[in-house]
Amino acid sequence: MRHKIALCTLAALTLCFGFSPSQAQVQNSPYDSSGEPFTSKYFKRTPSSVSMSLQRRADLPIGFFVLHITASEEISSCAKYGKMADQLEFKEGFVEINIGDYTVDMRDLPQYAHYQCDTKPQQPYTDIVLNKDLLRDKKIERIRFRKPSGIESYKVTINDSFILLTPEVGKSSTCLGCKPAKNANSSNPLRFWFYPEGTVILSADNAGKDLVLSEQIKTLAESRGLVPLTSVMPHHVPPRSTQDALYFIDKKGEFSEAKGELLDYVQVDTMKFGLEADEPAKKDVGVFIRKPGQYD
């Protein structure tokens, strides 16, 4: 559950964060990594809990993915928040990830916060890039997340098609608070699919909830030389709940830069409502094509 923290001034810091600046100062060193001293206006903050998701990033090669860890605190403030510190260590059979603090910089705050800075909610985070082949070579069976408050352990299931993280019952500390992210775009944020090169997604985003266009989209895809993804990944389950988002492989490479543009139209049966009677009619629905995105 996200904890919303209101716009903070130095005087209200204890109310907003639940501690005074002196309590949040240096734990191990009085300086940051650049040699800047911590003070009552520049200090470390330990996240009370974090959420996690496995994400895709366009600049990473096939087989690589991102473990995105976000502080559950949702903060609205003029203060500047640094990324969460992290440290990854491979051990026999598991990876240990130490989740650290983030910095809060309240120096040189404007006098009129609502007019002089952007107070959109912020969430400190860190991104850890992982590699399927490395995890398999090292025979990694679990990932342990460590914070000062405790440890939580997740089982790692990994094969050629996907990686899945599941919490290990009895191996977790209840005080850590390291949970899967609640993301409306993904049915399971801790499952990541390793798609083959050329994977594309076709969808009829504006078709309406009552229209099921799977067969029309499959016919259109076939006419463009696209092959169903299930021909090489028979157990693939779409991460999103959209029923008209279908996955294919573009073996010719014609859509290698697709970013959601219109591919073509398909026709569906509909009704034309009249004053005296309703008549059957045809409706054109646009089908769009894109490469897998962050939560696909």
Protein backbone atom coordinates (compact mmCIF):
# COMPACT_ATOMS: atom_id res chain seq x y z
CA MET A 1 0.00 0.00 0.00
CA ARG A 2 1.36 3.40 -0.91
CA HIS A 3 1.86 5.95 1.84
CA LYS A 4 1.15 9.46 0.61
CA ILE A 5 3.40 12.12 2.15
CA ALA A 6 2.16 15.69 1.86
CA LEU A 7 4.16 18.76 0.81
CA CYS A 8 6.92 19.16 3.41
CA THR A 9 8.69 22.14 4.87
CA LEU A 10 11.58 21.70 7.28
CA ALA A 11 9.38 22.58 10.24
CA ALA A 12 6.86 19.91 9.24
CA LEU A 13 9.44 17.22 8.49
CA THR A 14 8.70 15.17 11.59
CA LEU A 15 4.98 15.14 10.76
CA CYS A 16 5.55 14.22 7.11
CA PHE A 17 8.15 11.50 7.53
CA GLY A 18 7.53 10.33 11.08
CA PHE A 19 11.05 11.25 12.28
CA SER A 20 13.20 14.31 12.80
CA PRO A 21 16.16 15.13 10.55
CA SER A 22 18.61 14.21 13.28
CA GLN A 23 17.19 10.66 13.32
CA ALA A 24 17.59 10.31 9.56
CA GLN A 25 21.18 11.43 9.27
CA VAL A 26 24.19 9.32 8.53
CA GLN A 27 24.07 5.65 9.38
CA ASN A 28 27.56 4.61 8.30
CA SER A 29 29.21 7.77 7.01
CA PRO A 30 28.66 11.51 7.55
CA TYR A 31 29.20 12.10 3.80
CA ASP A 32 27.55 11.04 0.59
CA SER A 33 29.40 9.37 -2.30
CA SER A 34 30.51 12.78 -3.61
CA GLY A 35 31.92 13.84 -0.25
CA GLU A 36 28.98 16.14 0.53
CA PRO A 37 28.23 16.20 4.29
CA PHE A 38 24.80 15.17 5.53
CA THR A 39 22.93 17.81 7.52
CA SER A 40 19.45 18.50 8.88
CA LYS A 41 18.48 19.62 5.35
CA TYR A 42 20.31 16.91 3.42
CA PHE A 43 19.93 13.43 4.84
CA LYS A 44 19.21 9.77 4.22
CA ARG A 45 15.76 8.22 4.36
CA THR A 46 15.12 4.47 4.79
CA PRO A 47 12.04 3.33 2.80
CA SER A 48 9.44 1.79 5.10
CA SER A 49 8.56 -0.75 2.39
CA VAL A 50 9.23 -1.34 -1.28
CA SER A 51 7.44 -2.82 -4.29
CA MET A 52 8.99 -4.74 -7.18
CA SER A 53 8.32 -5.50 -10.82
CA LEU A 54 10.21 -7.06 -13.71
CA GLN A 55 10.31 -4.69 -16.66
CA ARG A 56 11.49 -4.46 -20.24
CA ARG A 57 13.76 -1.67 -21.42
CA ALA A 58 14.22 -0.86 -25.10
CA ASP A 59 17.97 -0.30 -24.86
CA LEU A 60 18.72 -3.76 -23.40
CA PRO A 61 19.62 -6.81 -25.54
CA ILE A 62 17.42 -9.92 -25.67
CA GLY A 63 17.75 -11.93 -22.46
CA PHE A 64 18.28 -8.86 -20.27
CA PHE A 65 15.61 -7.33 -18.03
CA VAL A 66 15.18 -4.85 -15.20
CA LEU A 67 14.25 -5.54 -11.59
CA HIS A 68 12.52 -2.26 -10.71
CA ILE A 69 12.35 -1.57 -6.95
CA THR A 70 10.29 1.38 -5.76
CA ALA A 71 9.84 2.94 -2.34
CA SER A 72 6.20 2.66 -1.31
CA GLU A 73 6.19 6.23 -0.03
CA GLU A 74 4.55 8.57 -2.52
CA ILE A 75 5.99 12.02 -1.84
CA SER A 76 4.75 15.44 -2.95
CA SER A 77 7.42 18.01 -2.19
CA CYS A 78 9.83 20.55 -3.62
CA ALA A 79 12.67 18.55 -2.08
CA LYS A 80 14.93 16.51 -4.36
CA TYR A 81 14.98 12.75 -3.84
CA GLY A 82 17.90 10.57 -4.89
CA LYS A 83 17.73 7.00 -6.20
CA MET A 84 17.67 4.19 -3.68
CA ALA A 85 21.04 2.60 -3.03
CA ASP A 86 21.43 -1.07 -3.85
CA GLN A 87 24.12 -3.73 -3.75
CA LEU A 88 23.96 -7.06 -5.56
CA GLU A 89 26.01 -10.10 -4.61
CA PHE A 90 25.98 -13.56 -6.19
CA LYS A 91 26.26 -16.40 -3.70
CA GLU A 92 25.95 -20.16 -4.02
CA GLY A 93 22.47 -20.81 -5.40
CA PHE A 94 21.05 -17.34 -4.77
CA VAL A 95 21.44 -13.61 -5.34
CA GLU A 96 21.36 -11.23 -2.40
CA ILE A 97 20.19 -7.68 -3.02
CA ASN A 98 20.72 -5.12 -0.28
CA ILE A 99 18.16 -2.33 -0.53
CA GLY A 100 19.53 0.91 0.88
CA ASP A 101 18.44 4.44 1.60
CA TYR A 102 17.70 7.36 -0.66
CA THR A 103 18.71 10.96 -0.06
CA VAL A 104 16.37 13.84 0.73
CA ASP A 105 17.71 17.26 -0.26
CA MET A 106 15.79 20.17 1.28
CA ARG A 107 18.45 22.79 0.70
CA ASP A 108 17.56 25.98 -1.14
CA LEU A 109 13.81 25.30 -1.18
CA PRO A 110 11.67 28.04 -2.77
CA GLN A 111 9.57 30.22 -0.50
CA TYR A 112 6.32 29.60 -2.37
CA ALA A 113 6.39 25.90 -3.17
CA HIS A 114 3.07 25.63 -5.04
CA TYR A 115 4.12 28.27 -7.56
CA GLN A 116 7.86 27.74 -7.91
CA CYS A 117 8.34 23.98 -8.25
CA ASP A 118 6.68 20.86 -9.57
CA THR A 119 5.02 19.02 -6.69
CA LYS A 120 3.86 15.96 -8.62
CA PRO A 121 4.08 12.76 -6.52
CA GLN A 122 7.53 11.18 -6.58
CA GLN A 123 8.66 7.68 -5.65
CA PRO A 124 12.37 6.97 -5.13
CA TYR A 125 13.48 3.82 -6.96
CA THR A 126 16.38 1.77 -8.23
CA ASP A 127 16.75 -0.36 -11.36
CA ILE A 128 18.86 -3.53 -11.28
CA VAL A 129 19.71 -4.98 -14.70
CA LEU A 130 19.82 -8.80 -14.76
CA ASN A 131 20.72 -11.36 -17.41
CA LYS A 132 18.89 -14.64 -18.04
CA ASP A 133 22.00 -16.54 -19.13
CA LEU A 134 24.05 -15.41 -16.14
CA LEU A 135 21.33 -16.45 -13.69
CA ARG A 136 21.09 -19.87 -15.33
CA ASP A 137 24.87 -20.35 -15.52
CA LYS A 138 25.17 -19.62 -11.80
CA LYS A 139 22.21 -21.94 -11.04
CA ILE A 140 20.35 -19.22 -9.16
CA GLU A 141 17.32 -20.66 -7.35
CA ARG A 142 16.26 -17.68 -5.23
CA ILE A 143 16.70 -13.96 -4.71
CA ARG A 144 17.02 -12.58 -1.19
CA PHE A 145 16.09 -8.96 -0.55
CA ARG A 146 17.79 -7.49 2.52
CA LYS A 147 16.97 -4.31 4.43
CA PRO A 148 17.93 -3.28 7.97
CA SER A 149 14.48 -4.45 9.06
CA GLY A 150 14.79 -7.98 7.72
CA ILE A 151 15.07 -10.35 4.77
CA GLU A 152 12.54 -11.64 2.26
CA SER A 153 13.26 -14.56 -0.05
CA TYR A 154 11.76 -15.21 -3.49
CA LYS A 155 12.00 -18.45 -5.43
CA VAL A 156 13.35 -18.09 -8.99
CA THR A 157 11.79 -20.14 -11.79
CA ILE A 158 13.66 -19.59 -15.05
CA ASN A 159 13.69 -21.26 -18.45
CA ASP A 160 14.07 -20.29 -22.11
CA SER A 161 10.67 -18.57 -22.15
CA PHE A 162 10.32 -16.67 -18.88
CA ILE A 163 11.51 -15.89 -15.36
CA LEU A 164 9.08 -15.92 -12.43
CA LEU A 165 9.65 -14.75 -8.86
CA THR A 166 7.41 -16.16 -6.11
CA PRO A 167 7.67 -15.45 -2.36
CA GLU A 168 8.98 -18.32 -0.27
CA VAL A 169 6.69 -19.03 2.65
CA GLY A 170 8.58 -19.31 5.93
CA LYS A 171 11.75 -17.68 4.56
CA SER A 172 10.67 -14.06 4.88
CA SER A 173 10.75 -11.44 7.58
CA THR A 174 7.36 -9.78 8.05
CA CYS A 175 9.00 -6.45 8.84
CA LEU A 176 10.70 -6.02 5.48
CA GLY A 177 7.70 -5.14 3.33
CA CYS A 178 9.05 -6.16 -0.08
CA LYS A 179 6.02 -6.87 -2.26
CA PRO A 180 5.04 -7.22 -5.93
CA ALA A 181 4.02 -3.91 -7.46
CA LYS A 182 0.32 -3.36 -8.02
CA ASN A 183 0.22 -2.49 -11.69
CA ALA A 184 -3.00 -2.37 -13.65
CA ASN A 185 -1.07 -3.05 -16.86
CA SER A 186 0.26 -6.43 -15.75
CA SER A 187 -1.44 -9.52 -14.39
CA ASN A 188 1.79 -10.63 -12.68
CA PRO A 189 4.53 -7.98 -12.34
CA LEU A 190 7.07 -10.63 -11.24
CA ARG A 191 6.86 -12.70 -14.44
CA PHE A 192 8.97 -11.63 -17.41
CA TRP A 193 8.78 -13.20 -20.88
CA PHE A 194 11.91 -13.59 -23.02
CA TYR A 195 10.44 -12.88 -26.44
CA PRO A 196 12.32 -13.90 -29.58
CA GLU A 197 13.61 -11.22 -31.90
CA GLY A 198 10.88 -9.77 -34.11
CA THR A 199 8.04 -10.11 -31.60
CA VAL A 200 5.24 -7.60 -32.22
CA ILE A 201 1.83 -6.96 -30.69
CA LEU A 202 -1.32 -6.25 -32.69
CA SER A 203 -4.28 -4.66 -30.97
CA ALA A 204 -7.58 -2.98 -31.73
CA ASP A 205 -7.46 -0.50 -28.89
CA ASN A 206 -10.60 1.45 -29.87
CA ALA A 207 -12.80 -1.49 -30.76
CA GLY A 208 -15.01 -1.31 -27.69
CA LYS A 209 -15.44 -3.78 -24.86
CA ASP A 210 -18.16 -5.79 -26.61
CA LEU A 211 -16.16 -6.56 -29.75
CA VAL A 212 -13.92 -9.60 -29.90
CA LEU A 213 -11.65 -9.27 -32.91
CA SER A 214 -9.18 -12.10 -32.41
CA GLU A 215 -10.01 -13.93 -35.65
CA GLN A 216 -9.98 -10.77 -37.77
CA ILE A 217 -6.62 -9.74 -36.31
CA LYS A 218 -5.15 -13.22 -36.93
CA THR A 219 -6.30 -13.07 -40.56
CA LEU A 220 -4.77 -9.62 -41.01
CA ALA A 221 -1.49 -10.75 -39.39
CA GLU A 222 -1.27 -13.78 -41.67
CA SER A 223 -1.76 -11.57 -44.73
CA ARG A 224 1.25 -9.51 -43.61
CA GLY A 225 3.48 -12.53 -43.09
CA LEU A 226 3.32 -12.49 -39.30
CA VAL A 227 3.53 -15.80 -37.40
CA PRO A 228 1.71 -16.40 -34.08
CA LEU A 229 4.07 -16.22 -31.10
CA THR A 230 2.50 -19.41 -29.72
CA SER A 231 4.13 -21.33 -32.58
CA VAL A 232 7.45 -21.01 -30.74
CA MET A 233 6.17 -20.21 -27.21
CA PRO A 234 3.10 -22.46 -26.82
CA HIS A 235 2.67 -21.70 -23.11
CA HIS A 236 2.78 -17.92 -23.45
CA VAL A 237 0.17 -16.06 -21.40
CA PRO A 238 -0.28 -12.37 -22.32
CA PRO A 239 0.73 -10.22 -19.34
CA ARG A 240 -2.05 -7.74 -20.06
CA SER A 241 -5.75 -8.46 -19.77
CA THR A 242 -6.70 -6.84 -23.10
CA GLN A 243 -8.47 -9.59 -25.07
CA ASP A 244 -7.66 -8.12 -28.49
CA ALA A 245 -3.89 -7.74 -27.96
CA LEU A 246 -2.31 -10.62 -29.86
CA TYR A 247 1.38 -11.53 -30.15
CA PHE A 248 3.17 -12.41 -33.38
CA ILE A 249 6.68 -12.78 -34.81
CA ASP A 250 7.79 -10.58 -37.68
CA LYS A 251 10.36 -12.87 -39.32
CA LYS A 252 10.95 -10.50 -42.24
CA GLY A 253 11.82 -7.57 -39.98
CA GLU A 254 9.38 -5.21 -41.68
CA PHE A 255 8.06 -3.84 -38.38
CA SER A 256 11.26 -3.76 -36.33
CA GLU A 257 10.65 -0.11 -35.40
CA ALA A 258 6.89 -0.34 -34.79
CA LYS A 259 5.74 2.05 -32.07
CA GLY A 260 1.96 1.73 -32.17
CA GLU A 261 1.16 3.00 -35.65
CA LEU A 262 -1.90 1.94 -37.62
CA LEU A 263 -1.32 -1.31 -39.52
CA ASP A 264 -4.69 -1.62 -41.28
CA TYR A 265 -8.42 -1.83 -40.73
CA VAL A 266 -10.60 -4.88 -40.13
CA GLN A 267 -14.35 -5.04 -40.59
CA VAL A 268 -16.76 -6.16 -37.91
CA ASP A 269 -20.50 -6.69 -37.92
CA THR A 270 -22.56 -4.07 -36.15
CA MET A 271 -26.08 -2.65 -36.17
CA LYS A 272 -27.23 0.61 -37.67
CA PHE A 273 -30.02 1.99 -35.54
CA GLY A 274 -32.94 3.57 -37.44
CA LEU A 275 -36.24 5.19 -36.57
CA GLU A 276 -38.31 2.32 -37.95
CA ALA A 277 -35.92 -0.63 -37.68
CA ASP A 278 -32.31 -1.56 -37.01
CA GLU A 279 -30.24 -2.79 -39.91
CA PRO A 280 -27.05 -4.90 -39.97
CA ALA A 281 -23.98 -2.95 -41.06
CA LYS A 282 -20.20 -3.13 -41.23
CA LYS A 283 -17.77 -1.13 -39.12
CA ASP A 284 -14.09 -0.44 -39.79
CA VAL A 285 -11.83 -0.88 -36.74
CA GLY A 286 -8.17 0.14 -36.76
CA VAL A 287 -5.50 -2.43 -35.84
CA PHE A 288 -2.26 -1.06 -34.43
CA ILE A 289 1.20 -2.66 -34.26
CA ARG A 290 4.04 -2.16 -31.77
CA LYS A 291 7.00 -3.89 -30.23
CA PRO A 292 6.63 -5.25 -26.66
CA GLY A 293 6.75 -2.46 -24.09
CA GLN A 294 7.71 -2.04 -20.47
CA TYR A 295 5.03 -4.32 -19.01
CA ASP A 296 4.58 -6.76 -21.89
